[in-house]
Amino acid sequence: MERRTFLKTTGAMSTVGIAGLAGCTGDDDNGEFPSENLTWMIPWSEGGGTDAYARQLAPLMEDPLGQSVQIDNRPGAGSLQGSEWLHGQDPDGYTFGTVNTPGWDFTWRAQEVEGWDVEDFEPVSYAGIFGYTLIVNNQHDISDFGELRDAYADDEISGFGFQGVGSDSHLGTLLLRENYDLAYDTAVAYDGGGPTQEAVISNEVAAGFATNTSAVAAEESGEATAIVNLMDVDITDTFPEIDSITNYGDSLAWITEFLQAQIAPPGTPEEERQIISEAVREACESEDSQQWVEETGNIIEYGTMEETAERLDGVVDTIESEVDAAIGGFDEFLRIVEEES
């Protein structure tokens, strides 16, 4: 499969390296941060797109940090379970996590979470762009969205998988039915991209949501194919034959295209966050990461702490406006979710 390379660094490069930042913050052990291992919380199961990025970058952050970075998968509630856990961790810089905005903000708003706010967290960096595709089990010999739509309409296939009740992909599933005539018989919620992908590969459901990152693994299994790009980002160098949802209606990028943002617990000092951000930058720019994007077609894009703050600011308000236009608002979305649960 032909791949393309995406490696971009945005904004001005920091003139302060890791060595220059280390030692400028307080630490109970030796006056330098970090003096022990760091934990990178991923609020999804192993095998999904977010997990794949973290497992690529984490080892490459260890040399500049001088400590190991351990991945901690905490799936549940469409990424909110892990986010709530992260919110309650000590703000000492030793724990941070990844969220996928705007999907994360959407799910938080849709589930009407109390006790913490998405705006409570401290920005660190962002490391990539990815989003949703539709994958289909190869037993059904379906190559584009039109054929998928016809197969459901004619009862030739059964089951459609998405990633969590009340999540962004749940809304996407409803929009595909209401606005793009995808008449699936049953929609099944799974806990993240890995389980959804496995359900399609095993033919437990005929088709479903997968990120472009995990869709590569689905195709490499020989059991499933990515047939529809739900983003605006062009991924035809990775999936040369992939169809686009914009051939059938309006763009869905506002709910299907994500920025992988690293965040820290509320109150985490800027100095510690800057050190982590610089380590993310070095990992993104490494030769290993460049080779990874060449092999997979994944999009690595580093953003500074300040740029991440700008990208996270006001997302919930924007999402509320988009949901109102798309489906009549969150109250209507939640009514449909409850009705179909």
Foldseek 3Di string as FASTA:
>chain_A
DFADFAFAEDDDDDPAALVNLFQPAQDPPPSGPPPEAAEEEEQADPLADQNVVCVLQQVLLCVSRVYHYHYDYRFDQQSVRSVVVQQPDDLALRYKYKDWPPQVVQSCVLVVDPDDHPVQWAFQKFWFKKWKFKKFWPVVVDAADVSQQVCQVVVVFAEEEDEHQSTLQVVVVVLCCPPQVNNHPDYDYDTHQRVRLVCRLVSVGGMYMGMLQSQLVSVVVVTMHGAEDLAPDDGCSQVVRHHYCVVRHDHPNLSTMTIITMIGHRPNDPSSSHSSLSSSVSSSPDPSNRVVCSVRVTHTYMGGSVVSSVVPPPRSVVVQVVCCVRQNGSVRVSVVSVVRD
